[in-house]
């Protein structure tokens, strides 16, 4: 990515830390990064495109750098770290008219991480693909719902600690369920 485009993106995220999404203008961004309006429009059609591009880029980066997940908590660690790094900005986006963009990308990354986790945990088990699909959907919905609840509560509880505790509570029963499912599929 070129320096100017990076400066525009950085300015946008700095402004999101300071104020709500709807209070940010192209003028604010170009003044912050000291470029002209035409330069902004060369890189982005408008602020919604800038938002969508940067969120998708962040999600793609997390996916590319995190290929293995040994537990549901591992699935959430990169997401939570990214959200906490830009807490005010993320909450401003989450509470904005562009919440759907944020939520769609959150769902995409959770689906990816849960899929990787389920495939890792069940790789040596004989579980039908349709059952894996159901498990993936179930855990995606659980983690997405729990993450949205965390965002609704202003990220004021330890999401990773809670998910780790839930995993500890159901971990053995989950492993047993996978084994039983695998055994029943082999019959």
N, C-alpha and C. Protein backbone atom coordinates (compact mmCIF):
# COMPACT_ATOMS: atom_id res chain seq x y z
N UNK A 1 0.85 -1.17 0.00
CA UNK A 1 0.00 0.00 0.00
C UNK A 1 0.90 1.24 0.00
N UNK A 2 0.50 2.23 -0.77
CA UNK A 2 1.36 3.42 -0.85
C UNK A 2 1.20 4.31 0.39
N UNK A 3 2.15 5.19 0.56
CA UNK A 3 2.22 6.04 1.75
C UNK A 3 0.99 6.94 1.90
N UNK A 4 0.53 7.53 0.82
CA UNK A 4 -0.61 8.45 0.89
C UNK A 4 -1.89 7.72 1.31
N UNK A 5 -2.12 6.58 0.72
CA UNK A 5 -3.31 5.80 1.07
C UNK A 5 -3.24 5.39 2.54
N UNK A 6 -2.08 4.99 3.01
CA UNK A 6 -1.89 4.63 4.42
C UNK A 6 -2.15 5.83 5.33
N UNK A 7 -1.70 7.01 4.90
CA UNK A 7 -1.91 8.23 5.70
C UNK A 7 -3.40 8.55 5.80
N UNK A 8 -4.14 8.36 4.73
CA UNK A 8 -5.59 8.60 4.74
C UNK A 8 -6.26 7.62 5.70
N UNK A 9 -5.89 6.37 5.62
CA UNK A 9 -6.47 5.35 6.50
C UNK A 9 -6.13 5.64 7.96
N UNK A 10 -4.88 5.98 8.23
CA UNK A 10 -4.47 6.30 9.61
C UNK A 10 -5.24 7.50 10.15
N UNK A 11 -5.39 8.53 9.33
CA UNK A 11 -6.13 9.72 9.75
C UNK A 11 -7.58 9.37 10.06
N UNK A 12 -8.17 8.55 9.24
CA UNK A 12 -9.55 8.12 9.46
C UNK A 12 -9.69 7.40 10.80
N UNK A 13 -8.79 6.46 11.10
CA UNK A 13 -8.88 5.73 12.35
C UNK A 13 -8.59 6.63 13.55
N UNK A 14 -7.69 7.59 13.39
CA UNK A 14 -7.44 8.56 14.47
C UNK A 14 -8.71 9.35 14.77
N UNK A 15 -9.37 9.80 13.71
CA UNK A 15 -10.60 10.56 13.88
C UNK A 15 -11.70 9.71 14.50
N UNK A 16 -11.77 8.44 14.13
CA UNK A 16 -12.76 7.54 14.73
C UNK A 16 -12.53 7.34 16.22
N UNK A 17 -11.30 7.45 16.65
CA UNK A 17 -11.00 7.37 18.09
C UNK A 17 -11.51 8.61 18.82
N UNK A 18 -11.68 9.70 18.09
CA UNK A 18 -12.06 10.98 18.69
C UNK A 18 -13.54 11.27 18.61
N UNK A 19 -14.21 10.79 17.55
CA UNK A 19 -15.61 11.17 17.34
C UNK A 19 -16.38 10.09 16.60
N UNK A 20 -17.71 10.17 16.65
CA UNK A 20 -18.53 9.19 15.94
C UNK A 20 -18.32 9.24 14.43
N UNK A 21 -18.59 8.12 13.80
CA UNK A 21 -18.43 7.97 12.35
C UNK A 21 -19.17 9.06 11.58
N UNK A 22 -20.40 9.37 11.99
CA UNK A 22 -21.21 10.35 11.26
C UNK A 22 -20.69 11.77 11.40
N UNK A 23 -19.75 11.99 12.29
CA UNK A 23 -19.19 13.33 12.49
C UNK A 23 -17.85 13.51 11.77
N UNK A 24 -17.47 12.54 10.97
CA UNK A 24 -16.20 12.61 10.24
C UNK A 24 -16.50 12.97 8.78
N UNK A 25 -15.78 13.95 8.28
CA UNK A 25 -15.94 14.38 6.89
C UNK A 25 -14.65 14.14 6.11
N UNK A 26 -14.77 14.18 4.81
CA UNK A 26 -13.58 14.08 3.96
C UNK A 26 -12.63 15.22 4.30
N UNK A 27 -13.20 16.38 4.54
CA UNK A 27 -12.37 17.54 4.91
C UNK A 27 -11.54 17.26 6.16
N UNK A 28 -12.17 16.65 7.18
CA UNK A 28 -11.44 16.31 8.41
C UNK A 28 -10.27 15.37 8.10
N UNK A 29 -10.53 14.40 7.26
CA UNK A 29 -9.49 13.40 6.94
C UNK A 29 -8.34 14.04 6.18
N UNK A 30 -8.64 14.83 5.15
CA UNK A 30 -7.56 15.41 4.34
C UNK A 30 -6.77 16.45 5.13
N UNK A 31 -7.45 17.17 6.02
CA UNK A 31 -6.72 18.11 6.86
C UNK A 31 -5.79 17.38 7.82
N UNK A 32 -6.27 16.27 8.35
CA UNK A 32 -5.47 15.51 9.31
C UNK A 32 -4.21 14.93 8.66
N UNK A 33 -4.35 14.44 7.44
CA UNK A 33 -3.18 13.81 6.81
C UNK A 33 -2.49 14.73 5.80
N UNK A 34 -2.97 15.95 5.70
CA UNK A 34 -2.36 17.00 4.88
C UNK A 34 -2.22 16.60 3.41
N UNK A 35 -3.36 16.17 2.85
CA UNK A 35 -3.45 15.94 1.40
C UNK A 35 -4.67 16.70 0.91
N UNK A 36 -4.81 16.82 -0.40
CA UNK A 36 -5.98 17.53 -0.90
C UNK A 36 -7.14 16.55 -1.15
N UNK A 37 -8.32 17.11 -1.35
CA UNK A 37 -9.53 16.29 -1.54
C UNK A 37 -9.41 15.36 -2.74
N UNK A 38 -8.81 15.85 -3.81
CA UNK A 38 -8.65 15.01 -5.00
C UNK A 38 -7.82 13.77 -4.71
N UNK A 39 -6.84 13.92 -3.84
CA UNK A 39 -6.02 12.77 -3.46
C UNK A 39 -6.87 11.74 -2.72
N UNK A 40 -7.72 12.22 -1.82
CA UNK A 40 -8.63 11.31 -1.12
C UNK A 40 -9.48 10.55 -2.14
N UNK A 41 -10.09 11.30 -3.06
CA UNK A 41 -11.00 10.69 -4.04
C UNK A 41 -10.28 9.81 -5.07
N UNK A 42 -9.00 10.00 -5.20
CA UNK A 42 -8.22 9.11 -6.06
C UNK A 42 -8.17 7.70 -5.44
N UNK A 43 -8.10 7.65 -4.11
CA UNK A 43 -7.96 6.37 -3.41
C UNK A 43 -9.31 5.77 -2.98
N UNK A 44 -10.27 6.63 -2.65
CA UNK A 44 -11.56 6.17 -2.13
C UNK A 44 -12.70 6.98 -2.73
N UNK A 45 -13.78 6.32 -3.05
CA UNK A 45 -14.95 6.99 -3.61
C UNK A 45 -15.61 7.90 -2.57
N UNK A 46 -15.66 7.41 -1.32
CA UNK A 46 -16.28 8.16 -0.23
C UNK A 46 -15.86 7.54 1.10
N UNK A 47 -16.35 8.09 2.19
CA UNK A 47 -16.00 7.58 3.52
C UNK A 47 -16.53 6.16 3.74
N UNK A 48 -17.77 5.84 3.32
CA UNK A 48 -18.21 4.45 3.49
C UNK A 48 -17.29 3.43 2.79
N UNK A 49 -16.79 3.78 1.61
CA UNK A 49 -15.85 2.88 0.94
C UNK A 49 -14.55 2.76 1.73
N UNK A 50 -14.07 3.87 2.27
CA UNK A 50 -12.88 3.86 3.11
C UNK A 50 -13.08 2.93 4.30
N UNK A 51 -14.21 3.05 4.96
CA UNK A 51 -14.52 2.19 6.11
C UNK A 51 -14.54 0.72 5.70
N UNK A 52 -15.29 0.42 4.66
CA UNK A 52 -15.43 -0.96 4.22
C UNK A 52 -14.08 -1.55 3.80
N UNK A 53 -13.31 -0.78 3.07
CA UNK A 53 -11.99 -1.24 2.62
C UNK A 53 -11.07 -1.54 3.79
N UNK A 54 -11.05 -0.65 4.78
CA UNK A 54 -10.12 -0.85 5.89
C UNK A 54 -10.55 -2.00 6.79
N UNK A 55 -11.85 -2.15 7.02
CA UNK A 55 -12.30 -3.26 7.85
C UNK A 55 -12.04 -4.59 7.16
N UNK A 56 -12.35 -4.67 5.87
CA UNK A 56 -12.08 -5.91 5.12
C UNK A 56 -10.58 -6.21 5.11
N UNK A 57 -9.76 -5.20 4.98
CA UNK A 57 -8.32 -5.39 4.98
C UNK A 57 -7.85 -5.94 6.33
N UNK A 58 -8.37 -5.39 7.43
CA UNK A 58 -8.02 -5.88 8.76
C UNK A 58 -8.42 -7.35 8.92
N UNK A 59 -9.62 -7.69 8.49
CA UNK A 59 -10.10 -9.07 8.60
C UNK A 59 -9.23 -9.99 7.74
N UNK A 60 -8.94 -9.58 6.53
CA UNK A 60 -8.07 -10.39 5.65
C UNK A 60 -6.70 -10.62 6.29
N UNK A 61 -6.17 -9.58 6.91
CA UNK A 61 -4.86 -9.70 7.55
C UNK A 61 -4.92 -10.70 8.72
N UNK A 62 -5.96 -10.63 9.53
CA UNK A 62 -6.11 -11.57 10.64
C UNK A 62 -6.22 -13.00 10.10
N UNK A 63 -7.00 -13.19 9.06
CA UNK A 63 -7.17 -14.52 8.47
C UNK A 63 -5.85 -15.04 7.92
N UNK A 64 -5.09 -14.20 7.24
CA UNK A 64 -3.81 -14.62 6.65
C UNK A 64 -2.77 -14.98 7.70
N UNK A 65 -2.80 -14.31 8.84
CA UNK A 65 -1.75 -14.53 9.84
C UNK A 65 -2.15 -15.50 10.94
N UNK A 66 -3.40 -15.97 10.93
CA UNK A 66 -3.86 -16.89 11.97
C UNK A 66 -4.53 -18.10 11.33
N UNK A 67 -3.74 -19.09 11.00
CA UNK A 67 -4.28 -20.24 10.30
C UNK A 67 -4.71 -21.39 11.20
N UNK A 68 -4.21 -21.48 12.41
CA UNK A 68 -4.51 -22.62 13.27
C UNK A 68 -5.15 -22.14 14.58
N UNK A 69 -6.21 -22.79 14.93
CA UNK A 69 -6.93 -22.43 16.16
C UNK A 69 -7.18 -23.69 16.96
N UNK A 70 -6.60 -23.77 18.16
CA UNK A 70 -6.73 -24.95 19.00
C UNK A 70 -7.91 -24.92 19.94
N UNK A 71 -8.57 -23.77 20.06
CA UNK A 71 -9.73 -23.67 20.95
C UNK A 71 -10.60 -22.51 20.49
N UNK A 72 -11.85 -22.46 20.98
CA UNK A 72 -12.69 -21.30 20.63
C UNK A 72 -12.08 -19.97 21.08
N UNK A 73 -11.37 -19.99 22.19
CA UNK A 73 -10.71 -18.76 22.65
C UNK A 73 -9.68 -18.31 21.63
N UNK A 74 -8.92 -19.25 21.08
CA UNK A 74 -7.92 -18.92 20.06
C UNK A 74 -8.58 -18.22 18.87
N UNK A 75 -9.82 -18.61 18.57
CA UNK A 75 -10.54 -17.99 17.46
C UNK A 75 -10.77 -16.50 17.70
N UNK A 76 -11.02 -16.16 18.96
CA UNK A 76 -11.37 -14.77 19.28
C UNK A 76 -10.19 -13.86 19.58
N UNK A 77 -9.07 -14.43 19.96
CA UNK A 77 -7.93 -13.61 20.40
C UNK A 77 -7.57 -12.52 19.38
N UNK A 78 -7.34 -12.84 18.10
CA UNK A 78 -6.96 -11.77 17.17
C UNK A 78 -8.07 -10.73 16.98
N UNK A 79 -9.31 -11.15 17.06
CA UNK A 79 -10.44 -10.22 16.90
C UNK A 79 -10.50 -9.27 18.09
N UNK A 80 -10.42 -9.83 19.28
CA UNK A 80 -10.51 -9.02 20.50
C UNK A 80 -9.32 -8.06 20.58
N UNK A 81 -8.13 -8.55 20.27
CA UNK A 81 -6.96 -7.67 20.30
C UNK A 81 -7.13 -6.49 19.36
N UNK A 82 -7.63 -6.73 18.16
CA UNK A 82 -7.83 -5.66 17.18
C UNK A 82 -8.88 -4.68 17.68
N UNK A 83 -9.97 -5.20 18.25
CA UNK A 83 -11.03 -4.32 18.76
C UNK A 83 -10.54 -3.48 19.94
N UNK A 84 -9.80 -4.09 20.85
CA UNK A 84 -9.32 -3.35 22.02
C UNK A 84 -8.26 -2.32 21.64
N UNK A 85 -7.49 -2.61 20.60
CA UNK A 85 -6.47 -1.66 20.14
C UNK A 85 -7.13 -0.36 19.67
N UNK A 86 -8.31 -0.48 19.09
CA UNK A 86 -9.05 0.68 18.57
C UNK A 86 -10.44 0.73 19.20
N UNK A 87 -10.49 0.63 20.50
CA UNK A 87 -11.76 0.48 21.21
C UNK A 87 -12.78 1.55 20.87
N UNK A 88 -12.42 2.81 21.02
CA UNK A 88 -13.38 3.89 20.74
C UNK A 88 -13.81 3.87 19.28
N UNK A 89 -12.86 3.66 18.38
CA UNK A 89 -13.18 3.64 16.96
C UNK A 89 -14.14 2.50 16.64
N UNK A 90 -13.86 1.32 17.18
CA UNK A 90 -14.73 0.17 16.92
C UNK A 90 -16.14 0.40 17.46
N UNK A 91 -16.22 0.98 18.64
CA UNK A 91 -17.54 1.27 19.21
C UNK A 91 -18.26 2.34 18.40
N UNK A 92 -17.52 3.32 17.89
CA UNK A 92 -18.15 4.33 17.03
C UNK A 92 -18.71 3.70 15.76
N UNK A 93 -17.97 2.78 15.18
CA UNK A 93 -18.47 2.09 13.98
C UNK A 93 -19.65 1.21 14.33
N UNK A 94 -19.52 0.47 15.43
CA UNK A 94 -20.57 -0.47 15.84
C UNK A 94 -21.89 0.26 16.10
N UNK A 95 -21.81 1.48 16.57
CA UNK A 95 -23.01 2.26 16.89
C UNK A 95 -23.46 3.16 15.73
N UNK A 96 -22.83 3.02 14.58
CA UNK A 96 -23.13 3.91 13.46
C UNK A 96 -24.09 3.27 12.47
N UNK A 97 -24.44 4.05 11.46
CA UNK A 97 -25.27 3.53 10.37
C UNK A 97 -24.52 2.47 9.57
N UNK A 98 -23.23 2.38 9.73
CA UNK A 98 -22.41 1.40 9.01
C UNK A 98 -22.15 0.15 9.86
N UNK A 99 -22.96 -0.06 10.87
CA UNK A 99 -22.81 -1.23 11.73
C UNK A 99 -22.85 -2.52 10.91
N UNK A 100 -23.67 -2.54 9.87
CA UNK A 100 -23.81 -3.75 9.06
C UNK A 100 -22.49 -4.16 8.41
N UNK A 101 -21.70 -3.19 7.97
CA UNK A 101 -20.39 -3.49 7.38
C UNK A 101 -19.50 -4.16 8.42
N UNK A 102 -19.46 -3.56 9.59
CA UNK A 102 -18.66 -4.09 10.70
C UNK A 102 -19.15 -5.48 11.09
N UNK A 103 -20.45 -5.63 11.24
CA UNK A 103 -21.02 -6.90 11.68
C UNK A 103 -20.81 -8.00 10.62
N UNK A 104 -20.94 -7.66 9.35
CA UNK A 104 -20.71 -8.66 8.29
C UNK A 104 -19.26 -9.16 8.31
N UNK A 105 -18.32 -8.25 8.50
CA UNK A 105 -16.91 -8.65 8.54
C UNK A 105 -16.60 -9.42 9.82
N UNK A 106 -17.24 -9.05 10.91
CA UNK A 106 -17.08 -9.79 12.16
C UNK A 106 -17.60 -11.21 11.98
N UNK A 107 -18.75 -11.34 11.35
CA UNK A 107 -19.30 -12.67 11.09
C UNK A 107 -18.39 -13.47 10.16
N UNK A 108 -17.83 -12.82 9.15
CA UNK A 108 -16.94 -13.50 8.21
C UNK A 108 -15.70 -14.06 8.92
N UNK A 109 -15.09 -13.25 9.78
CA UNK A 109 -13.89 -13.73 10.45
C UNK A 109 -14.21 -14.79 11.49
N UNK A 110 -15.33 -14.65 12.18
CA UNK A 110 -15.71 -15.69 13.15
C UNK A 110 -16.04 -16.99 12.42
N UNK A 111 -16.74 -16.91 11.30
CA UNK A 111 -17.03 -18.11 10.53
C UNK A 111 -15.73 -18.78 10.07
N UNK A 112 -14.79 -17.99 9.58
CA UNK A 112 -13.51 -18.55 9.15
C UNK A 112 -12.80 -19.24 10.32
N UNK A 113 -12.69 -18.56 11.45
CA UNK A 113 -11.94 -19.12 12.57
C UNK A 113 -12.62 -20.35 13.15
N UNK A 114 -13.94 -20.32 13.25
CA UNK A 114 -14.67 -21.49 13.75
C UNK A 114 -14.52 -22.66 12.78
N UNK A 115 -14.59 -22.39 11.50
CA UNK A 115 -14.41 -23.45 10.50
C UNK A 115 -13.04 -24.09 10.66
N UNK A 116 -12.00 -23.27 10.80
CA UNK A 116 -10.65 -23.81 10.99
C UNK A 116 -10.57 -24.64 12.27
N UNK A 117 -11.17 -24.14 13.33
CA UNK A 117 -11.16 -24.84 14.61
C UNK A 117 -11.87 -26.20 14.50
N UNK A 118 -13.07 -26.21 13.96
CA UNK A 118 -13.84 -27.46 13.85
C UNK A 118 -13.11 -28.46 12.96
N UNK A 119 -12.53 -28.00 11.86
CA UNK A 119 -11.79 -28.92 11.00
C UNK A 119 -10.54 -29.46 11.69
N UNK A 120 -9.90 -28.64 12.51
CA UNK A 120 -8.73 -29.09 13.26
C UNK A 120 -9.12 -30.14 14.30
N UNK A 121 -10.17 -29.87 15.05
CA UNK A 121 -10.60 -30.76 16.13
C UNK A 121 -11.15 -32.08 15.60
N UNK A 122 -11.77 -32.04 14.44
CA UNK A 122 -12.43 -33.24 13.92
C UNK A 122 -11.66 -33.93 12.79
N UNK A 123 -10.45 -33.48 12.51
CA UNK A 123 -9.73 -34.00 11.33
C UNK A 123 -9.49 -35.50 11.38
N UNK A 124 -9.31 -36.07 12.56
CA UNK A 124 -9.05 -37.50 12.67
C UNK A 124 -10.31 -38.29 13.02
N UNK A 125 -11.44 -37.62 13.00
CA UNK A 125 -12.70 -38.27 13.33
C UNK A 125 -13.54 -38.45 12.08
N UNK A 126 -14.34 -39.46 12.10
CA UNK A 126 -15.20 -39.75 10.96
C UNK A 126 -16.56 -39.08 11.17
N UNK A 127 -16.60 -37.79 10.93
CA UNK A 127 -17.84 -37.03 11.10
C UNK A 127 -18.31 -36.57 9.73
N UNK A 128 -19.57 -36.85 9.40
CA UNK A 128 -20.08 -36.42 8.09
C UNK A 128 -19.98 -34.91 7.90
N UNK A 129 -19.73 -34.49 6.68
CA UNK A 129 -19.54 -33.07 6.38
C UNK A 129 -20.77 -32.24 6.75
N UNK A 130 -21.99 -32.80 6.58
CA UNK A 130 -23.19 -32.04 6.94
C UNK A 130 -23.25 -31.80 8.45
N UNK A 131 -22.72 -32.75 9.25
CA UNK A 131 -22.67 -32.54 10.71
C UNK A 131 -21.63 -31.48 11.06
N UNK A 132 -20.49 -31.48 10.35
CA UNK A 132 -19.48 -30.45 10.57
C UNK A 132 -20.06 -29.06 10.23
N UNK A 133 -20.83 -29.01 9.16
CA UNK A 133 -21.46 -27.74 8.76
C UNK A 133 -22.39 -27.23 9.85
N UNK A 134 -23.16 -28.13 10.44
CA UNK A 134 -24.07 -27.76 11.53
C UNK A 134 -23.28 -27.26 12.74
N UNK A 135 -22.21 -27.97 13.09
CA UNK A 135 -21.36 -27.56 14.21
C UNK A 135 -20.75 -26.18 13.97
N UNK A 136 -20.26 -25.99 12.77
CA UNK A 136 -19.65 -24.69 12.41
C UNK A 136 -20.68 -23.58 12.56
N UNK A 137 -21.87 -23.79 12.03
CA UNK A 137 -22.93 -22.77 12.12
C UNK A 137 -23.29 -22.48 13.57
N UNK A 138 -23.40 -23.53 14.37
CA UNK A 138 -23.76 -23.37 15.78
C UNK A 138 -22.70 -22.55 16.52
N UNK A 139 -21.44 -22.93 16.38
CA UNK A 139 -20.38 -22.21 17.10
C UNK A 139 -20.16 -20.81 16.56
N UNK A 140 -20.37 -20.63 15.27
CA UNK A 140 -20.29 -19.27 14.71
C UNK A 140 -21.35 -18.39 15.36
N UNK A 141 -22.57 -18.89 15.44
CA UNK A 141 -23.66 -18.11 16.04
C UNK A 141 -23.39 -17.81 17.51
N UNK A 142 -22.89 -18.81 18.23
CA UNK A 142 -22.57 -18.60 19.65
C UNK A 142 -21.50 -17.53 19.84
N UNK A 143 -20.39 -17.67 19.10
CA UNK A 143 -19.30 -16.70 19.26
C UNK A 143 -19.68 -15.33 18.73
N UNK A 144 -20.41 -15.27 17.64
CA UNK A 144 -20.84 -13.98 17.11
C UNK A 144 -21.79 -13.31 18.11
N UNK A 145 -22.75 -14.05 18.62
CA UNK A 145 -23.69 -13.49 19.59
C UNK A 145 -22.99 -13.01 20.85
N UNK A 146 -22.05 -13.80 21.32
CA UNK A 146 -21.31 -13.42 22.53
C UNK A 146 -20.45 -12.18 22.27
N UNK A 147 -19.85 -12.10 21.09
CA UNK A 147 -19.03 -10.94 20.73
C UNK A 147 -19.89 -9.70 20.57
N UNK A 148 -21.07 -9.83 19.98
CA UNK A 148 -21.98 -8.68 19.85
C UNK A 148 -22.45 -8.22 21.22
N UNK A 149 -22.70 -9.16 22.11
CA UNK A 149 -23.07 -8.80 23.49
C UNK A 149 -21.94 -8.02 24.16
N UNK A 150 -20.72 -8.44 23.92
CA UNK A 150 -19.53 -7.75 24.45
C UNK A 150 -19.47 -6.32 23.92
N UNK A 151 -19.74 -6.16 22.63
CA UNK A 151 -19.75 -4.82 22.03
C UNK A 151 -20.91 -3.99 22.58
N UNK A 152 -22.08 -4.60 22.74
CA UNK A 152 -23.23 -3.89 23.31
C UNK A 152 -22.92 -3.38 24.71
N UNK A 153 -22.07 -4.10 25.42
CA UNK A 153 -21.70 -3.72 26.79
C UNK A 153 -20.39 -2.92 26.81
N UNK A 154 -20.08 -2.26 25.69
CA UNK A 154 -18.91 -1.38 25.57
C UNK A 154 -17.58 -2.07 25.83
N UNK A 155 -17.51 -3.37 25.54
CA UNK A 155 -16.29 -4.15 25.73
C UNK A 155 -15.84 -4.11 27.20
N UNK A 156 -16.81 -4.05 28.11
CA UNK A 156 -16.49 -3.87 29.52
C UNK A 156 -16.38 -5.16 30.31
N UNK A 157 -16.38 -6.30 29.67
CA UNK A 157 -16.06 -7.53 30.39
C UNK A 157 -15.00 -8.27 29.58
N UNK A 158 -14.34 -9.17 30.24
CA UNK A 158 -13.24 -9.90 29.61
C UNK A 158 -13.80 -11.02 28.76
N UNK A 159 -13.98 -10.74 27.48
CA UNK A 159 -14.56 -11.70 26.55
C UNK A 159 -13.73 -12.97 26.47
N UNK A 160 -12.43 -12.84 26.40
CA UNK A 160 -11.57 -14.02 26.28
C UNK A 160 -11.66 -14.89 27.53
N UNK A 161 -11.69 -14.27 28.68
CA UNK A 161 -11.80 -15.02 29.94
C UNK A 161 -13.14 -15.76 29.98
N UNK A 162 -14.20 -15.09 29.57
CA UNK A 162 -15.52 -15.72 29.57
C UNK A 162 -15.59 -16.90 28.60
N UNK A 163 -15.06 -16.72 27.40
CA UNK A 163 -15.09 -17.81 26.42
C UNK A 163 -14.19 -18.95 26.87
N UNK A 164 -13.05 -18.64 27.48
CA UNK A 164 -12.18 -19.68 28.01
C UNK A 164 -12.91 -20.48 29.08
N UNK A 165 -13.62 -19.79 29.95
CA UNK A 165 -14.36 -20.48 31.02
C UNK A 165 -15.47 -21.35 30.44
N UNK A 166 -16.18 -20.83 29.45
CA UNK A 166 -17.23 -21.63 28.80
C UNK A 166 -16.61 -22.87 28.16
N UNK A 167 -15.48 -22.68 27.50
CA UNK A 167 -14.79 -23.80 26.86
C UNK A 167 -14.38 -24.84 27.91
N UNK A 168 -13.87 -24.37 29.05
CA UNK A 168 -13.51 -25.29 30.13
C UNK A 168 -14.73 -26.06 30.63
N UNK A 169 -15.84 -25.37 30.77
CA UNK A 169 -17.06 -26.00 31.29
C UNK A 169 -17.63 -27.04 30.35
N UNK A 170 -17.58 -26.77 29.05
CA UNK A 170 -18.18 -27.71 28.09
C UNK A 170 -17.13 -28.51 27.32
N UNK A 171 -15.86 -28.24 27.57
CA UNK A 171 -14.79 -28.85 26.77
C UNK A 171 -14.83 -30.35 26.72
N UNK A 172 -14.89 -31.01 27.87
CA UNK A 172 -14.89 -32.47 27.88
C UNK A 172 -16.15 -33.03 27.24
N UNK A 173 -17.28 -32.38 27.51
CA UNK A 173 -18.53 -32.88 26.90
C UNK A 173 -18.51 -32.67 25.39
N UNK A 174 -17.88 -31.60 24.93
CA UNK A 174 -17.76 -31.36 23.50
C UNK A 174 -16.89 -32.43 22.84
N UNK A 175 -15.75 -32.72 23.47
CA UNK A 175 -14.88 -33.77 22.94
C UNK A 175 -15.61 -35.11 22.90
N UNK A 176 -16.34 -35.40 23.97
CA UNK A 176 -17.10 -36.65 24.03
C UNK A 176 -18.16 -36.68 22.93
N UNK A 177 -18.82 -35.55 22.70
CA UNK A 177 -19.84 -35.48 21.65
C UNK A 177 -19.22 -35.72 20.27
N UNK A 178 -18.04 -35.15 20.03
CA UNK A 178 -17.35 -35.37 18.76
C UNK A 178 -17.02 -36.85 18.57
N UNK A 179 -16.51 -37.48 19.64
CA UNK A 179 -16.17 -38.89 19.56
C UNK A 179 -17.41 -39.75 19.31
N UNK A 180 -18.49 -39.46 20.04
CA UNK A 180 -19.73 -40.22 19.86
C UNK A 180 -20.30 -40.02 18.45
N UNK A 181 -20.24 -38.80 17.97
CA UNK A 181 -20.71 -38.52 16.62
C UNK A 181 -19.88 -39.28 15.59
N UNK A 182 -18.57 -39.31 15.82
CA UNK A 182 -17.68 -40.03 14.92
C UNK A 182 -17.97 -41.53 14.95
N UNK A 183 -18.18 -42.07 16.15
CA UNK A 183 -18.47 -43.49 16.29
C UNK A 183 -19.80 -43.85 15.65
N UNK A 184 -20.82 -43.01 15.83
CA UNK A 184 -22.14 -43.31 15.25
C UNK A 184 -22.10 -43.20 13.72
N UNK A 185 -21.21 -42.36 13.21
CA UNK A 185 -21.08 -42.21 11.76
C UNK A 185 -20.34 -43.39 11.14
N UNK A 186 -19.54 -44.07 11.95
CA UNK A 186 -18.76 -45.20 11.45
C UNK A 186 -19.59 -46.47 11.35
N UNK A 187 -20.71 -46.49 12.04
CA UNK A 187 -21.54 -47.70 12.09
C UNK A 187 -22.29 -47.89 10.81
